Amino acid sequence: MNLGDEHGARGEDGGYGGTGQTRTRLPDSAGDVYGGARRGGRSSSRSLVTVVGVVVLLIAAIAFANRGDGNRDSPDNGGTAKSGTTPTSPSGEHPVKSKTGGIPTGYTQDDHGAQSAAANYSVALGSDAMFNTAKRHEILQTIADPGSLDRLRSDLDADYSAGLLKKIGLDEDGGTPAGSTFVNRTLPVGTKVTSSGGGSATVEVWCNSLFGLTGEASTKPVTSGWFTLTVKLKWADDDWKVRDTSQKTGPTPVNGDNPVSGSDEIGKAVEEFGGFTYGR
């Protein structure tokens, strides 16, 4: 399946991660669909057990972090840890040399570079800019394999139709109603290479996503979702470029017991907290 096969690949309302992949429990009271109050029904004894459990976990984590045999080498002294490189360890290579149109570009032609490219391209493909035609074309011009560009652009133009934008609550240019903020943000959690060689690579990117509209009148509040995006890359023009993508739901962790934030708080956070450049 390519980038533009079906809306289901990006959730019922479009966008990577989308909505429709997670169930959101909203407050029973009328008014702000975001609520803002803690979920009720928790007993004090359960809360006490939870607090004790967290304290125990923190103590265990601190003890584990401080544990050592005194002989283990570290990167600071020029050695290599005896346990080897863990899946979440960075490569130590500078992942990006430059940016094009605000998107990190200029990756190394190896597995680390492919993972960095896939992660950063996932962020671009899962951004609110994809709902504006001109901005979407700029993104594709930057990250797409030249031989796949026309197909990807055509498929995505069909996907991000006027009907889809209206369903989400956006105007034909991807703009939002007055007093609202549109949120479509993709947050890579990890990457892995499933195949590479011959100037091509396939990378899976495990992602969390935020999607929806802030505002008291919104009927589509910002929700979170989990999905894995498979990015097929080709080495072209001295960089990794997107040839194709596909998506599946999960892995999805159990939702936490955090209080639901209000619409204004969510909108302010999205505007104030910027994203990252990802490197493997």
C-alpha atoms as a PDB file:
ATOM      1  CA  MET A   1       0.000   0.000   0.000  1.00  0.00           C
ATOM      2  CA  ASN A   2       1.370   3.402  -0.873  1.00  0.00           C
ATOM      3  CA  LEU A   3       0.997   6.776   0.765  1.00  0.00           C
ATOM      4  CA  GLY A   4      -2.300   7.492  -0.878  1.00  0.00           C
ATOM      5  CA  ASP A   5      -4.127   4.184  -1.009  1.00  0.00           C
ATOM      6  CA  GLU A   6      -6.883   4.834   1.525  1.00  0.00           C
ATOM      7  CA  HIS A   7      -7.906   7.048   4.391  1.00  0.00           C
ATOM      8  CA  GLY A   8      -7.764   4.089   6.737  1.00  0.00           C
ATOM      9  CA  ALA A   9      -4.003   4.038   6.416  1.00  0.00           C
ATOM     10  CA  ARG A  10      -3.923   7.333   8.281  1.00  0.00           C
ATOM     11  CA  GLY A  11      -7.039   7.029  10.399  1.00  0.00           C
ATOM     12  CA  GLU A  12     -10.642   7.774   9.548  1.00  0.00           C
ATOM     13  CA  ASP A  13     -10.049  11.525   9.446  1.00  0.00           C
ATOM     14  CA  GLY A  14      -6.802  11.454   7.491  1.00  0.00           C
ATOM     15  CA  GLY A  15      -3.340  12.281   8.742  1.00  0.00           C
ATOM     16  CA  TYR A  16      -0.826   9.756   9.962  1.00  0.00           C
ATOM     17  CA  GLY A  17      -2.000   8.292  13.220  1.00  0.00           C
ATOM     18  CA  GLY A  18      -5.362   9.989  12.715  1.00  0.00           C
ATOM     19  CA  THR A  19      -8.283   9.415  15.011  1.00  0.00           C
ATOM     20  CA  GLY A  20     -10.432   6.339  14.952  1.00  0.00           C
ATOM     21  CA  GLN A  21      -7.538   4.181  16.154  1.00  0.00           C
ATOM     22  CA  THR A  22      -8.004   4.867  19.852  1.00  0.00           C
ATOM     23  CA  ARG A  23     -11.080   5.214  21.994  1.00  0.00           C
ATOM     24  CA  THR A  24     -11.234   8.412  24.024  1.00  0.00           C
ATOM     25  CA  ARG A  25     -13.224   8.564  27.247  1.00  0.00           C
ATOM     26  CA  LEU A  26     -14.762  12.031  27.542  1.00  0.00           C
ATOM     27  CA  PRO A  27     -16.301  13.648  30.644  1.00  0.00           C
ATOM     28  CA  ASP A  28     -20.031  13.216  31.197  1.00  0.00           C
ATOM     29  CA  SER A  29     -20.612  16.900  31.906  1.00  0.00           C
ATOM     30  CA  ALA A  30     -21.596  19.314  29.163  1.00  0.00           C
ATOM     31  CA  GLY A  31     -19.369  22.128  27.933  1.00  0.00           C
ATOM     32  CA  ASP A  32     -15.715  21.674  27.134  1.00  0.00           C
ATOM     33  CA  VAL A  33     -15.307  18.276  25.447  1.00  0.00           C
ATOM     34  CA  TYR A  34     -11.815  18.121  26.851  1.00  0.00           C
ATOM     35  CA  GLY A  35     -13.086  18.047  30.430  1.00  0.00           C
ATOM     36  CA  GLY A  36     -10.223  19.190  32.610  1.00  0.00           C
ATOM     37  CA  ALA A  37     -11.184  17.208  35.693  1.00  0.00           C
ATOM     38  CA  ARG A  38      -9.680  13.954  36.901  1.00  0.00           C
ATOM     39  CA  ARG A  39     -11.503  10.730  36.172  1.00  0.00           C
ATOM     40  CA  GLY A  40     -13.573   9.802  39.191  1.00  0.00           C
ATOM     41  CA  GLY A  41     -14.262   6.514  40.911  1.00  0.00           C
ATOM     42  CA  ARG A  42     -10.749   5.824  42.249  1.00  0.00           C
ATOM     43  CA  SER A  43     -10.560   4.693  45.831  1.00  0.00           C
ATOM     44  CA  SER A  44      -8.063   6.241  48.230  1.00  0.00           C
ATOM     45  CA  SER A  45      -6.584   2.811  48.914  1.00  0.00           C
ATOM     46  CA  ARG A  46      -5.869   2.232  45.249  1.00  0.00           C
ATOM     47  CA  SER A  47      -4.289   5.675  44.984  1.00  0.00           C
ATOM     48  CA  LEU A  48      -2.082   4.869  47.965  1.00  0.00           C
ATOM     49  CA  VAL A  49      -1.016   1.577  46.395  1.00  0.00           C
ATOM     50  CA  THR A  50      -0.220   3.388  43.140  1.00  0.00           C
ATOM     51  CA  VAL A  51       1.918   5.996  44.911  1.00  0.00           C
ATOM     52  CA  VAL A  52       3.778   3.319  46.856  1.00  0.00           C
ATOM     53  CA  GLY A  53       4.319   1.372  43.652  1.00  0.00           C
ATOM     54  CA  VAL A  54       5.757   4.423  41.891  1.00  0.00           C
ATOM     55  CA  VAL A  55       8.096   5.129  44.813  1.00  0.00           C
ATOM     56  CA  VAL A  56       9.313   1.523  44.785  1.00  0.00           C
ATOM     57  CA  LEU A  57       9.920   1.691  41.027  1.00  0.00           C
ATOM     58  CA  LEU A  58      11.865   4.943  41.392  1.00  0.00           C
ATOM     59  CA  ILE A  59      14.041   3.471  44.131  1.00  0.00           C
ATOM     60  CA  ALA A  60      14.695   0.398  41.992  1.00  0.00           C
ATOM     61  CA  ALA A  61      15.529   2.542  38.981  1.00  0.00           C
ATOM     62  CA  ILE A  62      17.981   4.679  40.971  1.00  0.00           C
ATOM     63  CA  ALA A  63      19.641   1.591  42.382  1.00  0.00           C
ATOM     64  CA  PHE A  64      19.934   0.077  38.908  1.00  0.00           C
ATOM     65  CA  ALA A  65      21.376   3.288  37.463  1.00  0.00           C
ATOM     66  CA  ASN A  66      24.021   3.455  40.199  1.00  0.00           C
ATOM     67  CA  ARG A  67      24.951  -0.202  39.939  1.00  0.00           C
ATOM     68  CA  GLY A  68      28.320  -0.976  38.408  1.00  0.00           C
ATOM     69  CA  ASP A  69      31.335  -3.209  38.844  1.00  0.00           C
ATOM     70  CA  GLY A  70      33.862  -0.378  38.527  1.00  0.00           C
ATOM     71  CA  ASN A  71      35.464  -2.008  35.483  1.00  0.00           C
ATOM     72  CA  ARG A  72      32.963  -1.182  32.798  1.00  0.00           C
ATOM     73  CA  ASP A  73      34.283   1.096  30.092  1.00  0.00           C
ATOM     74  CA  SER A  74      32.247   4.133  29.084  1.00  0.00           C
ATOM     75  CA  PRO A  75      32.166   6.408  26.029  1.00  0.00           C
ATOM     76  CA  ASP A  76      33.645   9.172  28.207  1.00  0.00           C
ATOM     77  CA  ASN A  77      36.917   7.341  28.700  1.00  0.00           C
ATOM     78  CA  GLY A  78      37.142   6.150  25.125  1.00  0.00           C
ATOM     79  CA  GLY A  79      36.019   2.597  25.818  1.00  0.00           C
ATOM     80  CA  THR A  80      33.003   0.598  24.757  1.00  0.00           C
ATOM     81  CA  ALA A  81      30.447  -0.796  27.175  1.00  0.00           C
ATOM     82  CA  LYS A  82      30.891  -4.535  27.633  1.00  0.00           C
ATOM     83  CA  SER A  83      27.146  -5.064  27.332  1.00  0.00           C
ATOM     84  CA  GLY A  84      27.220  -3.752  23.749  1.00  0.00           C
ATOM     85  CA  THR A  85      24.984  -1.203  22.079  1.00  0.00           C
ATOM     86  CA  THR A  86      21.357  -1.261  23.205  1.00  0.00           C
ATOM     87  CA  PRO A  87      18.476  -0.779  20.747  1.00  0.00           C
ATOM     88  CA  THR A  88      17.908   2.780  21.978  1.00  0.00           C
ATOM     89  CA  SER A  89      21.541   3.893  21.934  1.00  0.00           C
ATOM     90  CA  PRO A  90      22.380   6.649  19.429  1.00  0.00           C
ATOM     91  CA  SER A  91      24.951   5.851  16.776  1.00  0.00           C
ATOM     92  CA  GLY A  92      27.240   8.708  17.720  1.00  0.00           C
ATOM     93  CA  GLU A  93      27.210   9.890  14.078  1.00  0.00           C
ATOM     94  CA  HIS A  94      25.925  13.349  13.189  1.00  0.00           C
ATOM     95  CA  PRO A  95      22.559  12.360  11.646  1.00  0.00           C
ATOM     96  CA  VAL A  96      21.757  15.477   9.621  1.00  0.00           C
ATOM     97  CA  LYS A  97      23.886  17.944   7.675  1.00  0.00           C
ATOM     98  CA  SER A  98      21.238  20.444   6.630  1.00  0.00           C
ATOM     99  CA  LYS A  99      17.562  21.273   6.300  1.00  0.00           C
ATOM    100  CA  THR A 100      15.483  21.794   3.158  1.00  0.00           C
ATOM    101  CA  GLY A 101      12.206  23.619   3.579  1.00  0.00           C
ATOM    102  CA  GLY A 102      12.448  23.078   7.314  1.00  0.00           C
ATOM    103  CA  ILE A 103      12.820  19.305   6.926  1.00  0.00           C
ATOM    104  CA  PRO A 104      16.106  17.667   8.021  1.00  0.00           C
ATOM    105  CA  THR A 105      18.011  16.337   5.004  1.00  0.00           C
ATOM    106  CA  GLY A 106      21.528  15.158   4.178  1.00  0.00           C
ATOM    107  CA  TYR A 107      21.760  11.669   5.710  1.00  0.00           C
ATOM    108  CA  THR A 108      24.558   9.140   5.644  1.00  0.00           C
ATOM    109  CA  GLN A 109      24.205   6.225   3.235  1.00  0.00           C
ATOM    110  CA  ASP A 110      23.954   3.526   5.897  1.00  0.00           C
ATOM    111  CA  ASP A 111      21.382   1.988   8.238  1.00  0.00           C
ATOM    112  CA  HIS A 112      21.756   4.788  10.790  1.00  0.00           C
ATOM    113  CA  GLY A 113      21.136   7.418   8.129  1.00  0.00           C
ATOM    114  CA  ALA A 114      18.116   5.521   6.808  1.00  0.00           C
ATOM    115  CA  GLN A 115      16.574   5.337  10.286  1.00  0.00           C
ATOM    116  CA  SER A 116      17.162   9.033  10.889  1.00  0.00           C
ATOM    117  CA  ALA A 117      15.603   9.880   7.530  1.00  0.00           C
ATOM    118  CA  ALA A 118      12.567   7.659   8.121  1.00  0.00           C
ATOM    119  CA  ALA A 119      11.926   9.192  11.547  1.00  0.00           C
ATOM    120  CA  ASN A 120      12.159  12.791  10.347  1.00  0.00           C
ATOM    121  CA  TYR A 121      10.145  12.096   7.213  1.00  0.00           C
ATOM    122  CA  SER A 122       7.445  10.493   9.365  1.00  0.00           C
ATOM    123  CA  VAL A 123       7.186  13.754  11.292  1.00  0.00           C
ATOM    124  CA  ALA A 124       6.790  15.730   8.058  1.00  0.00           C
ATOM    125  CA  LEU A 125       4.211  13.335   6.603  1.00  0.00           C
ATOM    126  CA  GLY A 126       2.307  13.360   9.888  1.00  0.00           C
ATOM    127  CA  SER A 127       2.133  17.140  10.260  1.00  0.00           C
ATOM    128  CA  ASP A 128      -0.713  19.623   9.902  1.00  0.00           C
ATOM    129  CA  ALA A 129       1.040  21.059   6.831  1.00  0.00           C
ATOM    130  CA  MET A 130      -0.092  18.013   4.856  1.00  0.00           C
ATOM    131  CA  PHE A 131      -3.649  19.378   4.877  1.00  0.00           C
ATOM    132  CA  ASN A 132      -2.631  22.398   2.776  1.00  0.00           C
ATOM    133  CA  THR A 133      -2.028  21.617  -0.899  1.00  0.00           C
ATOM    134  CA  ALA A 134       0.925  23.953  -1.468  1.00  0.00           C
ATOM    135  CA  LYS A 135       2.690  22.912   1.742  1.00  0.00           C
ATOM    136  CA  ARG A 136       2.040  19.229   1.013  1.00  0.00           C
ATOM    137  CA  HIS A 137       3.645  19.567  -2.410  1.00  0.00           C
ATOM    138  CA  GLU A 138       6.674  21.282  -0.855  1.00  0.00           C
ATOM    139  CA  ILE A 139       7.084  18.420   1.615  1.00  0.00           C
ATOM    140  CA  LEU A 140       6.891  15.811  -1.133  1.00  0.00           C
ATOM    141  CA  GLN A 141       9.294  17.751  -3.328  1.00  0.00           C
ATOM    142  CA  THR A 142      11.822  17.563  -0.496  1.00  0.00           C
ATOM    143  CA  ILE A 143      11.453  13.985   0.704  1.00  0.00           C
ATOM    144  CA  ALA A 144      10.094  11.946  -2.232  1.00  0.00           C
ATOM    145  CA  ASP A 145      12.160   9.850  -4.615  1.00  0.00           C
ATOM    146  CA  PRO A 146      12.082  11.692  -7.960  1.00  0.00           C
ATOM    147  CA  GLY A 147      10.832   8.584  -9.721  1.00  0.00           C
ATOM    148  CA  SER A 148       7.935   8.253  -7.252  1.00  0.00           C
ATOM    149  CA  LEU A 149       7.077  11.940  -6.819  1.00  0.00           C
ATOM    150  CA  ASP A 150       4.271  12.221  -9.365  1.00  0.00           C
ATOM    151  CA  ARG A 151       2.522   9.095  -8.079  1.00  0.00           C
ATOM    152  CA  LEU A 152       2.781  10.112  -4.430  1.00  0.00           C
ATOM    153  CA  ARG A 153       1.582  13.637  -5.156  1.00  0.00           C
ATOM    154  CA  SER A 154      -1.398  12.398  -7.169  1.00  0.00           C
ATOM    155  CA  ASP A 155      -2.397   9.832  -4.547  1.00  0.00           C
ATOM    156  CA  LEU A 156      -2.142  12.283  -1.666  1.00  0.00           C
ATOM    157  CA  ASP A 157      -3.992  15.048  -3.499  1.00  0.00           C
ATOM    158  CA  ALA A 158      -6.868  12.611  -3.917  1.00  0.00           C
ATOM    159  CA  ASP A 159      -6.713  11.610  -0.256  1.00  0.00           C
ATOM    160  CA  TYR A 160      -6.668  15.140   1.150  1.00  0.00           C
ATOM    161  CA  SER A 161      -9.868  16.064  -0.637  1.00  0.00           C
ATOM    162  CA  ALA A 162     -12.211  18.959   0.105  1.00  0.00           C
ATOM    163  CA  GLY A 163     -14.639  16.443   1.526  1.00  0.00           C
ATOM    164  CA  LEU A 164     -12.076  15.126   3.993  1.00  0.00           C
ATOM    165  CA  LEU A 165     -11.090  18.619   5.117  1.00  0.00           C
ATOM    166  CA  LYS A 166     -14.736  19.532   5.670  1.00  0.00           C
ATOM    167  CA  LYS A 167     -15.301  16.378   7.683  1.00  0.00           C
ATOM    168  CA  ILE A 168     -12.419  17.266   9.980  1.00  0.00           C
ATOM    169  CA  GLY A 169     -13.671  20.827  10.366  1.00  0.00           C
ATOM    170  CA  LEU A 170     -11.103  22.617   8.171  1.00  0.00           C
ATOM    171  CA  ASP A 171     -11.601  24.938   5.219  1.00  0.00           C
ATOM    172  CA  GLU A 172     -10.395  24.110   1.694  1.00  0.00           C
ATOM    173  CA  ASP A 173      -6.892  25.414   2.486  1.00  0.00           C
ATOM    174  CA  GLY A 174      -6.579  23.438   5.703  1.00  0.00           C
ATOM    175  CA  GLY A 175      -7.422  26.477   7.834  1.00  0.00           C
ATOM    176  CA  THR A 176      -9.255  26.240  11.148  1.00  0.00           C
ATOM    177  CA  PRO A 177     -12.387  27.945  12.491  1.00  0.00           C
ATOM    178  CA  ALA A 178     -11.868  31.078  14.582  1.00  0.00           C
ATOM    179  CA  GLY A 179     -10.803  30.262  18.120  1.00  0.00           C
ATOM    180  CA  SER A 180      -9.567  26.755  17.209  1.00  0.00           C
ATOM    181  CA  THR A 181      -6.184  25.150  16.648  1.00  0.00           C
ATOM    182  CA  PHE A 182      -5.727  22.147  14.359  1.00  0.00           C
ATOM    183  CA  VAL A 183      -3.356  19.551  15.786  1.00  0.00           C
ATOM    184  CA  ASN A 184      -1.705  16.836  13.706  1.00  0.00           C
ATOM    185  CA  ARG A 185       1.661  15.874  15.161  1.00  0.00           C
ATOM    186  CA  THR A 186       3.649  12.647  14.844  1.00  0.00           C
ATOM    187  CA  LEU A 187       6.144  11.635  17.535  1.00  0.00           C
ATOM    188  CA  PRO A 188       8.538   8.813  16.594  1.00  0.00           C
ATOM    189  CA  VAL A 189       9.315   6.493  19.506  1.00  0.00           C
ATOM    190  CA  GLY A 190      11.800   4.177  17.808  1.00  0.00           C
ATOM    191  CA  THR A 191      13.027   2.820  14.486  1.00  0.00           C
ATOM    192  CA  LYS A 192      14.320  -0.435  13.055  1.00  0.00           C
ATOM    193  CA  VAL A 193      15.674  -1.471   9.672  1.00  0.00           C
ATOM    194  CA  THR A 194      13.939  -4.518   8.226  1.00  0.00           C
ATOM    195  CA  SER A 195      15.930  -4.642   4.991  1.00  0.00           C
ATOM    196  CA  SER A 196      18.716  -2.714   3.294  1.00  0.00           C
ATOM    197  CA  GLY A 197      21.131  -2.976   0.408  1.00  0.00           C
ATOM    198  CA  GLY A 198      21.549  -1.970  -3.196  1.00  0.00           C
ATOM    199  CA  GLY A 199      20.729   1.662  -2.563  1.00  0.00           C
ATOM    200  CA  SER A 200      17.429   0.976  -0.815  1.00  0.00           C
ATOM    201  CA  ALA A 201      16.218   0.450   2.736  1.00  0.00           C
ATOM    202  CA  THR A 202      12.977  -0.348   4.524  1.00  0.00           C
ATOM    203  CA  VAL A 203      12.537   1.170   7.977  1.00  0.00           C
ATOM    204  CA  GLU A 204       9.728   0.731  10.481  1.00  0.00           C
ATOM    205  CA  VAL A 205       8.972   3.753  12.673  1.00  0.00           C
ATOM    206  CA  TRP A 206       6.938   3.247  15.848  1.00  0.00           C
ATOM    207  CA  CYS A 207       4.980   6.456  16.459  1.00  0.00           C
ATOM    208  CA  ASN A 208       2.639   8.206  18.832  1.00  0.00           C
ATOM    209  CA  SER A 209       0.315  10.805  17.326  1.00  0.00           C
ATOM    210  CA  LEU A 210      -1.857  13.762  18.327  1.00  0.00           C
ATOM    211  CA  PHE A 211      -4.841  14.632  16.159  1.00  0.00           C
ATOM    212  CA  GLY A 212      -7.900  16.865  16.441  1.00  0.00           C
ATOM    213  CA  LEU A 213      -9.218  20.395  16.912  1.00  0.00           C
ATOM    214  CA  THR A 214      -9.012  22.465  20.061  1.00  0.00           C
ATOM    215  CA  GLY A 215     -11.810  24.825  20.971  1.00  0.00           C
ATOM    216  CA  GLU A 216     -14.934  24.603  23.108  1.00  0.00           C
ATOM    217  CA  ALA A 217     -17.094  24.142  20.023  1.00  0.00           C
ATOM    218  CA  SER A 218     -14.956  21.296  18.632  1.00  0.00           C
ATOM    219  CA  THR A 219     -16.638  17.957  18.085  1.00  0.00           C
ATOM    220  CA  LYS A 220     -13.262  16.318  17.356  1.00  0.00           C
ATOM    221  CA  PRO A 221     -11.076  16.953  20.421  1.00  0.00           C
ATOM    222  CA  VAL A 222      -7.366  16.188  20.265  1.00  0.00           C
ATOM    223  CA  THR A 223      -6.768  12.486  20.863  1.00  0.00           C
ATOM    224  CA  SER A 224      -3.660  10.325  20.834  1.00  0.00           C
ATOM    225  CA  GLY A 225      -2.960   7.183  18.842  1.00  0.00           C
ATOM    226  CA  TRP A 226      -0.230   4.631  18.235  1.00  0.00           C
ATOM    227  CA  PHE A 227       0.885   3.215  14.905  1.00  0.00           C
ATOM    228  CA  THR A 228       3.871   1.813  13.026  1.00  0.00           C
ATOM    229  CA  LEU A 229       4.789   3.449   9.738  1.00  0.00           C
ATOM    230  CA  THR A 230       6.836   1.427   7.263  1.00  0.00           C
ATOM    231  CA  VAL A 231       8.941   3.715   5.070  1.00  0.00           C
ATOM    232  CA  LYS A 232      10.576   2.390   1.914  1.00  0.00           C
ATOM    233  CA  LEU A 233      13.574   4.530   1.017  1.00  0.00           C
ATOM    234  CA  LYS A 234      15.786   4.868  -2.051  1.00  0.00           C
ATOM    235  CA  TRP A 235      19.197   6.516  -2.251  1.00  0.00           C
ATOM    236  CA  ALA A 236      18.781   9.328  -4.807  1.00  0.00           C
ATOM    237  CA  ASP A 237      20.389  12.739  -5.265  1.00  0.00           C
ATOM    238  CA  ASP A 238      22.915  11.908  -2.522  1.00  0.00           C
ATOM    239  CA  ASP A 239      20.232  11.396   0.123  1.00  0.00           C
ATOM    240  CA  TRP A 240      17.550   8.992   1.312  1.00  0.00           C
ATOM    241  CA  LYS A 241      14.190   9.620  -0.377  1.00  0.00           C
ATOM    242  CA  VAL A 242      10.719   8.178   0.208  1.00  0.00           C
ATOM    243  CA  ARG A 243       9.587   5.656  -2.369  1.00  0.00           C
ATOM    244  CA  ASP A 244       6.557   4.272  -0.561  1.00  0.00           C
ATOM    245  CA  THR A 245       4.895   3.952   2.845  1.00  0.00           C
ATOM    246  CA  SER A 246       2.368   1.774   4.627  1.00  0.00           C
ATOM    247  CA  GLN A 247       0.916   1.823   8.109  1.00  0.00           C
ATOM    248  CA  LYS A 248      -0.522  -0.471  10.767  1.00  0.00           C
ATOM    249  CA  THR A 249      -2.017   0.175  14.192  1.00  0.00           C
ATOM    250  CA  GLY A 250       0.064  -0.238  17.366  1.00  0.00           C
ATOM    251  CA  PRO A 251       1.884  -1.430  19.358  1.00  0.00           C
ATOM    252  CA  THR A 252      -0.427   0.395  21.770  1.00  0.00           C
ATOM    253  CA  PRO A 253       0.278   0.660  25.516  1.00  0.00           C
ATOM    254  CA  VAL A 254      -2.408   0.885  28.189  1.00  0.00           C
ATOM    255  CA  ASN A 255      -3.654   4.450  28.664  1.00  0.00           C
ATOM    256  CA  GLY A 256      -2.384   6.161  31.799  1.00  0.00           C
ATOM    257  CA  ASP A 257      -4.521   7.655  34.559  1.00  0.00           C
ATOM    258  CA  ASN A 258      -3.615  11.267  33.778  1.00  0.00           C
ATOM    259  CA  PRO A 259      -6.259  13.985  34.100  1.00  0.00           C
ATOM    260  CA  VAL A 260      -7.659  15.222  30.798  1.00  0.00           C
ATOM    261  CA  SER A 261      -6.426  18.738  29.981  1.00  0.00           C
ATOM    262  CA  GLY A 262      -8.694  21.546  28.871  1.00  0.00           C
ATOM    263  CA  SER A 263      -8.922  22.802  25.310  1.00  0.00           C
ATOM    264  CA  ASP A 264      -7.014  26.038  26.010  1.00  0.00           C
ATOM    265  CA  GLU A 265      -4.163  24.142  27.678  1.00  0.00           C
ATOM    266  CA  ILE A 266      -3.818  21.757  24.743  1.00  0.00           C
ATOM    267  CA  GLY A 267      -3.863  24.557  22.177  1.00  0.00           C
ATOM    268  CA  LYS A 268      -1.281  26.581  24.111  1.00  0.00           C
ATOM    269  CA  ALA A 269       1.000  23.555  24.496  1.00  0.00           C
ATOM    270  CA  VAL A 270       0.931  22.800  20.768  1.00  0.00           C
ATOM    271  CA  GLU A 271       1.855  26.395  19.939  1.00  0.00           C
ATOM    272  CA  GLU A 272       4.618  26.697  22.563  1.00  0.00           C
ATOM    273  CA  PHE A 273       6.308  23.292  22.419  1.00  0.00           C
ATOM    274  CA  GLY A 274       8.331  22.768  19.243  1.00  0.00           C
ATOM    275  CA  GLY A 275       9.348  19.450  17.732  1.00  0.00           C
ATOM    276  CA  PHE A 276      12.730  17.734  17.433  1.00  0.00           C
ATOM    277  CA  THR A 277      15.128  16.568  14.796  1.00  0.00           C
ATOM    278  CA  TYR A 278      15.479  12.797  15.152  1.00  0.00           C
ATOM    279  CA  GLY A 279      18.778  10.973  14.741  1.00  0.00           C
ATOM    280  CA  ARG A 280      19.737   7.295  15.059  1.00  0.00           C
END
